[in-house]
Protein backbone atom coordinates (compact mmCIF):
# COMPACT_ATOMS: atom_id res chain seq x y z
CA MET A 1 -4.14 14.61 -25.16
CA GLU A 2 -3.99 15.82 -21.54
CA SER A 3 -0.81 17.45 -20.26
CA CYS A 4 0.69 18.44 -16.90
CA ASP A 5 3.97 19.59 -15.36
CA VAL A 6 4.51 16.46 -13.28
CA LEU A 7 2.87 13.04 -13.51
CA ILE A 8 3.05 10.90 -10.37
CA VAL A 9 2.29 7.18 -10.66
CA GLY A 10 1.03 6.08 -7.23
CA GLY A 11 -1.25 7.83 -4.75
CA GLY A 12 0.20 6.56 -1.45
CA PRO A 13 1.94 8.77 1.14
CA ALA A 14 5.03 9.28 -1.04
CA GLY A 15 3.10 10.36 -4.12
CA SER A 16 0.53 12.49 -2.28
CA THR A 17 3.19 14.26 -0.17
CA CYS A 18 5.24 15.12 -3.24
CA ALA A 19 2.12 16.28 -5.09
CA TRP A 20 1.05 18.42 -2.11
CA LYS A 21 4.32 20.35 -2.03
CA LEU A 22 4.55 20.70 -5.80
CA ARG A 23 1.00 22.03 -5.99
CA ALA A 24 1.87 24.56 -3.28
CA ALA A 25 4.77 25.67 -5.51
CA GLY A 26 2.35 26.27 -8.38
CA LEU A 27 3.02 23.20 -10.52
CA ASP A 28 0.26 21.37 -12.35
CA VAL A 29 0.36 17.80 -10.98
CA VAL A 30 -1.57 14.69 -11.95
CA VAL A 31 -1.59 11.58 -9.75
CA LEU A 32 -2.46 8.31 -11.47
CA ASP A 33 -3.22 5.16 -9.47
CA LYS A 34 -4.65 1.80 -10.48
CA ALA A 35 -6.81 1.72 -7.32
CA ALA A 36 -9.94 3.69 -6.59
CA PHE A 37 -9.51 5.50 -3.28
CA PRO A 38 -10.18 4.90 -0.45
CA ARG A 39 -8.57 1.48 -0.79
CA ASP A 40 -7.19 -1.16 1.56
CA LYS A 41 -3.44 -1.19 2.16
CA THR A 42 -1.47 -3.84 4.01
CA CYS A 43 0.15 -2.03 6.94
CA ALA A 44 0.04 -2.22 10.73
CA GLY A 45 -0.76 1.47 10.46
CA TRP A 46 0.91 3.93 12.80
CA ILE A 47 2.77 7.20 12.40
CA THR A 48 5.15 9.01 14.73
CA PRO A 49 4.97 12.65 15.87
CA ALA A 50 7.75 13.43 13.35
CA VAL A 51 5.46 12.34 10.50
CA VAL A 52 2.63 14.47 11.91
CA GLU A 53 5.02 17.43 11.89
CA GLU A 54 6.38 16.74 8.41
CA LEU A 55 2.88 16.49 6.96
CA GLU A 56 1.67 19.56 8.90
CA LEU A 57 -1.26 17.38 9.87
CA ASP A 58 -4.22 19.15 11.46
CA VAL A 59 -4.76 16.52 14.12
CA GLY A 60 -8.07 17.94 15.33
CA ALA A 61 -9.60 18.02 11.86
CA TYR A 62 -8.20 14.62 10.94
CA ALA A 63 -9.26 12.84 14.12
CA ALA A 64 -12.77 14.31 14.05
CA THR A 65 -13.96 11.71 11.54
CA ARG A 66 -11.05 9.22 11.30
CA VAL A 67 -9.14 6.81 13.51
CA PHE A 68 -6.22 8.52 15.27
CA GLN A 69 -5.23 6.27 18.17
CA PRO A 70 -2.60 7.62 20.60
CA VAL A 71 0.06 5.04 21.49
CA THR A 72 1.79 5.39 24.85
CA GLY A 73 3.55 2.03 25.14
CA PHE A 74 4.43 -1.28 23.51
CA ARG A 75 4.36 -4.95 24.41
CA THR A 76 7.35 -6.68 22.78
CA GLY A 77 9.18 -10.00 22.70
CA THR A 78 9.47 -13.16 20.63
CA ILE A 79 6.59 -15.33 19.46
CA GLY A 80 5.95 -17.83 22.26
CA GLY A 81 8.73 -16.30 24.38
CA ARG A 82 9.11 -13.80 27.18
CA VAL A 83 7.29 -10.47 26.77
CA VAL A 84 8.15 -7.07 28.25
CA GLU A 85 6.11 -3.88 28.36
CA THR A 86 7.49 -0.40 27.80
CA HIS A 87 5.50 2.67 28.84
CA TYR A 88 6.27 6.27 27.94
CA GLY A 89 3.57 8.21 29.76
CA LYS A 90 2.81 10.24 26.63
CA PRO A 91 1.89 9.55 23.00
CA VAL A 92 4.92 8.40 21.00
CA SER A 93 2.96 7.22 17.98
CA PHE A 94 -0.56 7.30 16.54
CA GLY A 95 -2.55 4.47 15.04
CA ILE A 96 -4.21 5.18 11.71
CA ARG A 97 -6.16 3.19 9.14
CA ARG A 98 -4.38 3.35 5.81
CA CYS A 99 -7.65 3.42 3.86
CA GLU A 100 -8.47 6.71 5.64
CA PHE A 101 -4.96 8.16 5.92
CA ASP A 102 -3.93 7.67 2.29
CA ASP A 103 -7.25 8.96 0.96
CA TYR A 104 -7.03 12.06 3.16
CA LEU A 105 -3.50 12.92 2.02
CA LEU A 106 -4.34 12.32 -1.62
CA ARG A 107 -7.44 14.54 -1.59
CA ARG A 108 -5.57 17.21 0.39
CA SER A 109 -2.74 17.33 -2.15
CA GLY A 110 -4.75 19.43 -4.60
CA ALA A 111 -3.48 17.41 -7.55
CA ARG A 112 -5.66 16.29 -10.41
CA LEU A 113 -6.51 12.64 -9.87
CA ARG A 114 -6.85 9.76 -12.30
CA LEU A 115 -7.86 6.88 -10.07
CA GLY A 116 -8.76 3.34 -11.02
CA GLU A 117 -6.39 3.59 -13.99
CA LYS A 118 -3.31 1.40 -14.30
CA VAL A 119 -0.29 2.13 -16.46
CA ASP A 120 -0.72 0.18 -19.69
CA ASN A 121 1.76 2.08 -21.80
CA LEU A 122 4.71 4.30 -20.95
CA GLU A 123 6.96 5.84 -23.60
CA ARG A 124 9.45 8.64 -24.14
CA SER A 125 8.50 11.64 -26.22
CA GLY A 126 11.40 14.03 -26.76
CA ARG A 127 12.36 15.14 -23.23
CA GLY A 128 9.02 14.11 -21.81
CA TRP A 129 6.71 11.15 -21.38
CA ILE A 130 3.45 9.84 -22.76
CA VAL A 131 1.44 7.57 -20.46
CA ASN A 132 -1.47 5.44 -21.66
CA ALA A 133 -1.42 7.39 -24.92
CA SER A 134 -3.52 10.02 -23.17
CA ILE A 135 -1.35 12.21 -20.91
CA THR A 136 2.01 13.90 -21.38
CA ALA A 137 4.46 15.33 -18.85
CA PRO A 138 8.11 16.44 -18.87
CA LEU A 139 8.67 14.76 -15.47
CA LEU A 140 7.54 11.31 -14.35
CA ILE A 141 7.65 10.20 -10.70
CA GLY A 142 7.37 6.55 -9.69
CA ALA A 143 5.51 6.22 -6.39
CA GLY A 144 3.65 2.99 -7.06
CA GLY A 145 5.24 0.75 -4.45
CA HIS A 146 7.37 -2.35 -4.81
CA PHE A 147 5.99 -3.31 -8.25
CA CYS A 148 5.84 0.25 -9.61
CA PRO A 149 5.93 0.25 -13.44
CA VAL A 150 8.23 3.28 -13.38
CA ALA A 151 10.72 1.34 -11.23
CA ARG A 152 10.54 -1.49 -13.74
CA LEU A 153 11.28 0.96 -16.52
CA LEU A 154 14.34 2.36 -14.74
CA GLY A 155 16.08 -0.80 -13.76
CA GLY A 156 13.86 -3.81 -13.56
CA ILE A 157 12.33 -5.38 -10.50
CA SER A 158 14.13 -8.44 -9.24
CA ALA A 159 13.17 -9.08 -5.63
CA GLY A 160 15.00 -11.75 -3.70
CA VAL A 161 18.57 -12.65 -2.90
CA GLY A 162 19.35 -13.61 -6.48
CA GLY A 163 18.46 -10.14 -7.70
CA GLY A 164 20.45 -8.37 -5.00
CA GLU A 165 17.31 -7.07 -3.30
CA LEU A 166 16.04 -8.09 0.12
CA ALA A 167 12.26 -8.22 -0.22
CA VAL A 168 9.94 -8.51 2.76
CA ALA A 169 6.54 -10.13 2.30
CA ALA A 170 3.74 -9.26 4.70
CA GLN A 171 0.17 -10.39 5.32
CA GLU A 172 -2.44 -8.90 7.62
CA ILE A 173 -6.06 -8.96 8.72
CA GLU A 174 -7.78 -5.72 9.74
CA PHE A 175 -11.42 -5.68 10.77
CA ALA A 176 -13.98 -3.83 12.86
CA MET A 177 -14.71 -5.80 16.03
CA SER A 178 -18.20 -6.38 17.34
CA PRO A 179 -18.97 -5.37 20.95
CA GLY A 180 -18.47 -9.01 21.95
CA GLN A 181 -15.12 -9.20 20.18
CA CYS A 182 -14.01 -5.96 21.84
CA GLU A 183 -14.75 -7.51 25.22
CA GLY A 184 -12.71 -10.59 24.36
CA CYS A 185 -9.68 -8.65 23.06
CA LYS A 186 -6.88 -8.15 25.57
CA VAL A 187 -4.82 -6.01 23.19
CA ARG A 188 -5.05 -2.46 24.52
CA PRO A 189 -5.48 0.40 22.03
CA THR A 190 -2.65 2.40 23.61
CA VAL A 191 -0.21 -0.55 23.70
CA PRO A 192 0.46 -2.27 20.34
CA GLU A 193 2.12 -5.69 20.51
CA LEU A 194 5.22 -6.70 18.52
CA TYR A 195 6.57 -10.26 18.48
CA PHE A 196 9.69 -11.33 16.59
CA CYS A 197 9.85 -14.71 14.85
CA PRO A 198 12.14 -17.19 16.65
CA ASP A 199 14.54 -17.20 13.67
CA MET A 200 14.59 -13.37 13.67
CA LYS A 201 13.64 -13.21 9.98
CA GLY A 202 10.55 -11.13 10.65
CA TYR A 203 7.99 -10.09 13.22
CA ALA A 204 4.28 -10.15 13.91
CA TRP A 205 1.99 -7.57 15.42
CA CYS A 206 -1.38 -7.01 17.04
CA PHE A 207 -2.58 -3.42 16.95
CA ARG A 208 -5.95 -2.28 18.19
CA LYS A 209 -7.16 1.07 16.90
CA GLY A 210 -10.40 1.83 18.66
CA ASP A 211 -12.78 -0.91 17.59
CA HIS A 212 -10.53 -2.01 14.73
CA LEU A 213 -7.97 -4.78 15.20
CA ASN A 214 -5.00 -5.40 12.93
CA ILE A 215 -3.13 -8.71 13.09
CA GLY A 216 -0.21 -9.26 10.75
CA LEU A 217 3.20 -10.74 10.09
CA GLY A 218 6.08 -9.87 7.77
CA ARG A 219 9.18 -11.88 6.86
CA GLU A 220 12.26 -11.58 4.68
CA ASP A 221 10.85 -14.30 2.43
CA ASN A 222 7.38 -15.42 1.42
CA ARG A 223 7.87 -19.13 2.09
CA ARG A 224 4.94 -20.45 4.13
CA LEU A 225 3.98 -16.90 5.06
CA SER A 226 0.31 -17.80 5.48
CA ALA A 227 1.29 -20.69 7.77
CA HIS A 228 3.44 -18.36 9.90
CA LEU A 229 0.58 -15.88 10.23
CA GLY A 230 -1.92 -18.64 10.96
CA ALA A 231 0.25 -20.10 13.72
CA PHE A 232 0.73 -16.66 15.26
CA ARG A 233 -2.98 -15.93 15.17
CA ASP A 234 -3.73 -19.31 16.77
CA LEU A 235 -1.24 -18.55 19.56
CA MET A 236 -2.74 -15.12 20.24
CA THR A 237 -6.21 -16.69 20.28
CA ALA A 238 -5.11 -19.43 22.69
CA GLN A 239 -3.63 -16.79 24.99
CA GLY A 240 -6.89 -14.85 24.88
CA ARG A 241 -5.27 -11.77 23.43
CA VAL A 242 -7.42 -11.66 20.28
CA PRO A 243 -11.00 -12.85 19.64
CA ARG A 244 -11.51 -16.40 18.39
CA ASP A 245 -13.72 -15.50 15.44
CA THR A 246 -11.34 -13.28 13.46
CA PRO A 247 -11.86 -13.14 9.68
CA GLU A 248 -9.98 -15.64 7.53
CA ARG A 249 -9.29 -13.38 4.56
CA VAL A 250 -5.84 -11.81 4.55
CA HIS A 251 -4.22 -9.05 2.49
CA GLY A 252 -0.58 -9.06 1.46
CA HIS A 253 2.14 -7.00 -0.16
CA ALA A 254 5.92 -6.81 -0.52
CA TYR A 255 8.54 -4.11 -0.08
CA ILE A 256 12.31 -3.69 -0.18
CA LEU A 257 14.47 -2.80 2.80
CA TYR A 258 16.71 0.23 2.35
CA GLY A 259 20.30 -0.62 1.62
CA HIS A 260 19.39 -3.87 -0.12
CA THR A 261 18.46 -2.73 -3.61
CA CYS A 262 20.19 -1.92 -6.88
CA ARG A 263 17.34 0.14 -8.28
CA THR A 264 18.18 3.21 -10.30
CA LEU A 265 16.58 6.14 -8.46
CA PHE A 266 16.59 8.79 -11.20
CA ASP A 267 17.35 9.55 -14.83
CA ASP A 268 16.46 12.23 -17.34
CA GLY A 269 12.92 13.32 -16.52
CA VAL A 270 12.17 10.56 -14.02
CA LEU A 271 12.75 9.61 -10.39
CA LEU A 272 11.49 7.13 -7.77
CA ILE A 273 10.14 7.80 -4.29
CA GLY A 274 8.78 5.73 -1.40
CA ASP A 275 8.59 1.95 -1.69
CA ALA A 276 9.22 2.22 -5.42
CA ALA A 277 12.73 3.38 -4.48
CA GLY A 278 13.10 0.72 -1.76
CA LEU A 279 13.26 3.03 1.25
CA ALA A 280 11.67 1.01 4.08
CA TYR A 281 13.72 1.08 7.27
CA PRO A 282 15.80 -2.14 7.40
CA GLU A 283 15.25 -2.83 11.10
CA SER A 284 11.49 -2.32 11.33
CA GLY A 285 10.27 -2.39 7.73
CA GLU A 286 8.40 0.87 8.29
CA GLY A 287 7.75 2.66 5.04
CA ILE A 288 5.48 5.61 5.85
CA ARG A 289 8.09 8.01 7.23
CA PRO A 290 10.68 7.27 4.51
CA ALA A 291 7.90 7.64 1.92
CA VAL A 292 6.83 11.02 3.25
CA GLU A 293 10.41 12.26 3.53
CA SER A 294 11.35 11.09 0.04
CA GLY A 295 8.30 12.92 -1.30
CA LEU A 296 9.43 16.10 0.44
CA MET A 297 13.02 15.77 -0.79
CA ALA A 298 11.90 15.06 -4.34
CA ALA A 299 9.64 18.12 -4.33
CA GLN A 300 12.52 20.33 -3.15
CA VAL A 301 14.79 19.09 -5.94
CA ILE A 302 12.06 19.43 -8.56
CA GLU A 303 11.33 23.02 -7.51
CA GLY A 304 15.04 23.83 -7.72
CA ALA A 305 15.35 22.31 -11.19
CA ARG A 306 13.07 25.02 -12.61
CA ALA A 307 11.53 22.75 -15.25
CA ASP A 308 14.94 21.48 -16.45
CA TYR A 309 14.67 17.81 -15.49
CA ARG A 310 17.85 16.49 -17.00
CA ARG A 311 19.71 13.86 -15.00
CA ALA A 312 22.33 16.31 -13.76
CA ASN A 313 19.66 18.48 -12.15
CA LEU A 314 17.97 15.53 -10.42
CA ARG A 315 21.17 13.97 -9.06
CA GLN A 316 20.96 15.87 -5.78
CA TYR A 317 17.78 13.92 -4.96
CA ALA A 318 19.86 10.75 -4.58
CA ASP A 319 22.44 12.72 -2.60
CA ARG A 320 19.75 13.88 -0.18
CA LEU A 321 18.50 10.32 0.28
CA THR A 322 22.03 9.22 1.12
CA ARG A 323 22.50 11.99 3.67
CA ARG A 324 19.19 11.11 5.31
CA PHE A 325 19.17 7.31 5.15
CA GLY A 326 22.81 6.37 4.62
CA ARG A 327 24.52 4.69 1.70
CA ARG A 328 22.85 1.84 -0.12
CA ALA A 329 24.81 -1.40 -0.07
CA PRO A 330 23.13 -4.27 -1.95
CA ARG A 331 23.10 -7.36 0.21
CA THR A 332 25.62 -10.10 -0.45
CA PRO A 333 25.67 -13.32 1.55
CA THR A 334 28.51 -13.34 4.09
CA PRO A 335 29.57 -16.12 6.41
CA GLY A 336 28.46 -15.54 9.99
CA LEU A 337 30.91 -15.51 12.87
CA LEU A 338 28.36 -17.17 15.14
CA PRO A 339 26.09 -20.16 14.49
CA ALA A 340 22.55 -19.14 13.55
CA ARG A 341 20.98 -20.80 16.60
CA LEU A 342 23.36 -19.00 18.96
CA LYS A 343 22.60 -15.64 17.33
CA GLN A 344 18.89 -16.33 17.69
CA ARG A 345 19.26 -17.15 21.39
CA ILE A 346 21.26 -13.97 21.98
CA ALA A 347 18.66 -11.90 20.13
CA ALA A 348 15.80 -13.46 22.11
CA SER A 349 17.65 -12.73 25.36
CA LEU A 350 18.14 -9.09 24.40
CA LEU A 351 14.49 -8.69 23.41
CA ALA A 352 13.51 -9.97 26.87
CA THR A 353 15.27 -7.04 28.58
CA HIS A 354 13.56 -3.72 29.27
CA TRP A 355 16.66 -1.65 28.42
CA PHE A 356 17.16 -3.17 24.95
CA SER A 357 13.44 -3.12 24.18
CA ARG A 358 13.10 0.57 24.95
CA HIS A 359 16.39 2.12 23.83
CA VAL A 360 17.25 -0.04 20.82
CA LEU A 361 14.14 -1.80 19.55
CA LEU A 362 11.59 0.97 20.12
CA ASP A 363 13.42 4.32 20.39
CA GLY A 364 16.01 3.33 17.79
CA TRP A 365 14.38 1.02 15.26
CA PHE A 366 10.62 1.55 15.39
CA LEU A 367 10.11 5.13 16.57
CA ARG A 368 13.34 6.72 15.27
CA ALA A 369 12.94 8.97 18.29
CA ARG A 370 16.41 10.48 17.95
CA LEU A 371 15.91 11.48 14.32
CA PRO A 372 14.31 14.96 14.08
CA ALA A 373 11.57 15.69 11.59
CA LEU A 374 12.69 16.67 8.11
CA GLN A 375 12.35 20.40 7.59
CA TYR A 376 10.87 21.70 4.34
CA PRO A 377 11.99 25.29 3.71
C-alpha cells in the first residue's frame, strides 16, 4: 500500500498549483488523474498577467517551446450584431494551449504522479483515506473539475436549476491551421474575438494563437449547444473570419459559476478546489485564475494545519474563498422587473459601446484588471 501526506485528485491548474506549493513546504504529495498528460482540455485558453505572477511563471523558458501569445486587444459584440474593438497598446493577456500549460504546471509541481488512473474506490480509514485500495493519505483534495468524485462524495453533484447549481456547458474546436488556412483567417493573434448570444445566456469566441485557432461557445444550458456552435461557426465562415474547412469534431465540458452552488467545500480531511468547488467567475466563466488562487489558498491553510486536518482547522479555507470571491448564494428563480426581450436589447446596446466594452466587459469581467494578484507569503 502506497502512502503520502496529501492526495490530490485532478491534475489541472488547481491541483498542480496546490501540489507545487505543498511540495515546496516539504510535504509528500501524489496527484492522481484519469487522463494521461498532456491531454486536451476544453478552454479558449488565455491567462492574465496576474496569473503569470501568481504562478511565478518563467515566461522565457515557457515560451521557448510552447504557445504564449500576447493579447493587446479584443473584438467584442453580439453574434450577428455590432462589433467594437478595444486596444490597450500592451499585453493584457496571453494565449496558451491547455494541453501544454496544464502538462507544464503538473510536471513542475514536483509531486508524484499517477496518471491515466481514475478513482474507482474511495473510503475512509480512521482519520485518513484509502483510494483505489492502493494509496492512503490523511488529506484528500478534490481538484477533478465539475464531475470530481471527491465533490460527489462531499455533497453530490446536481447541476442545473433543479439542483440549485447554475452549470455552463461549453464546446470548442482547436486545431493547427495549414498555411492556406492561416491566409484565410481574419482573426488576429493579438485580438481575440468575443460574441455574446442574442439571449445573453452565453458567448462564443474565436482565438488565434499563432497557427492554432480555437472556436468555441458556452451557454448556461446544454440544449442545442452543438447547433448554437454550428450556427456561430457558419456565420464566422460566411464573414471570412475563419477558414471554411475547419474540423468537425468538437470537445465539450461543463462547469459551475461561482455563487450558484451548494457544494460542501471541506470536511474532516478533505477539501475542494478549482472547478470541483464551483469557482468559475460568473460573468465570464473563466476558471483558470480562480483555480490557481484556490490552490494557493488551500496550500496555505494546509501548511498552517500542521498535519491536523480536522474540519475546524480547514474552515479558514472557505473563509478565504469568501473574502476573495464573495459570498456564495445559490441561484433561485426571481421574477424580472423588465421583459426578457427588453433586457436583451439593452444589453446588446451596451455591448456596442466602447466605454462599456472596455471598462465593464473587459477590464471588469474578463481581465479582472482591478483585482491584484494573490500574494503567497
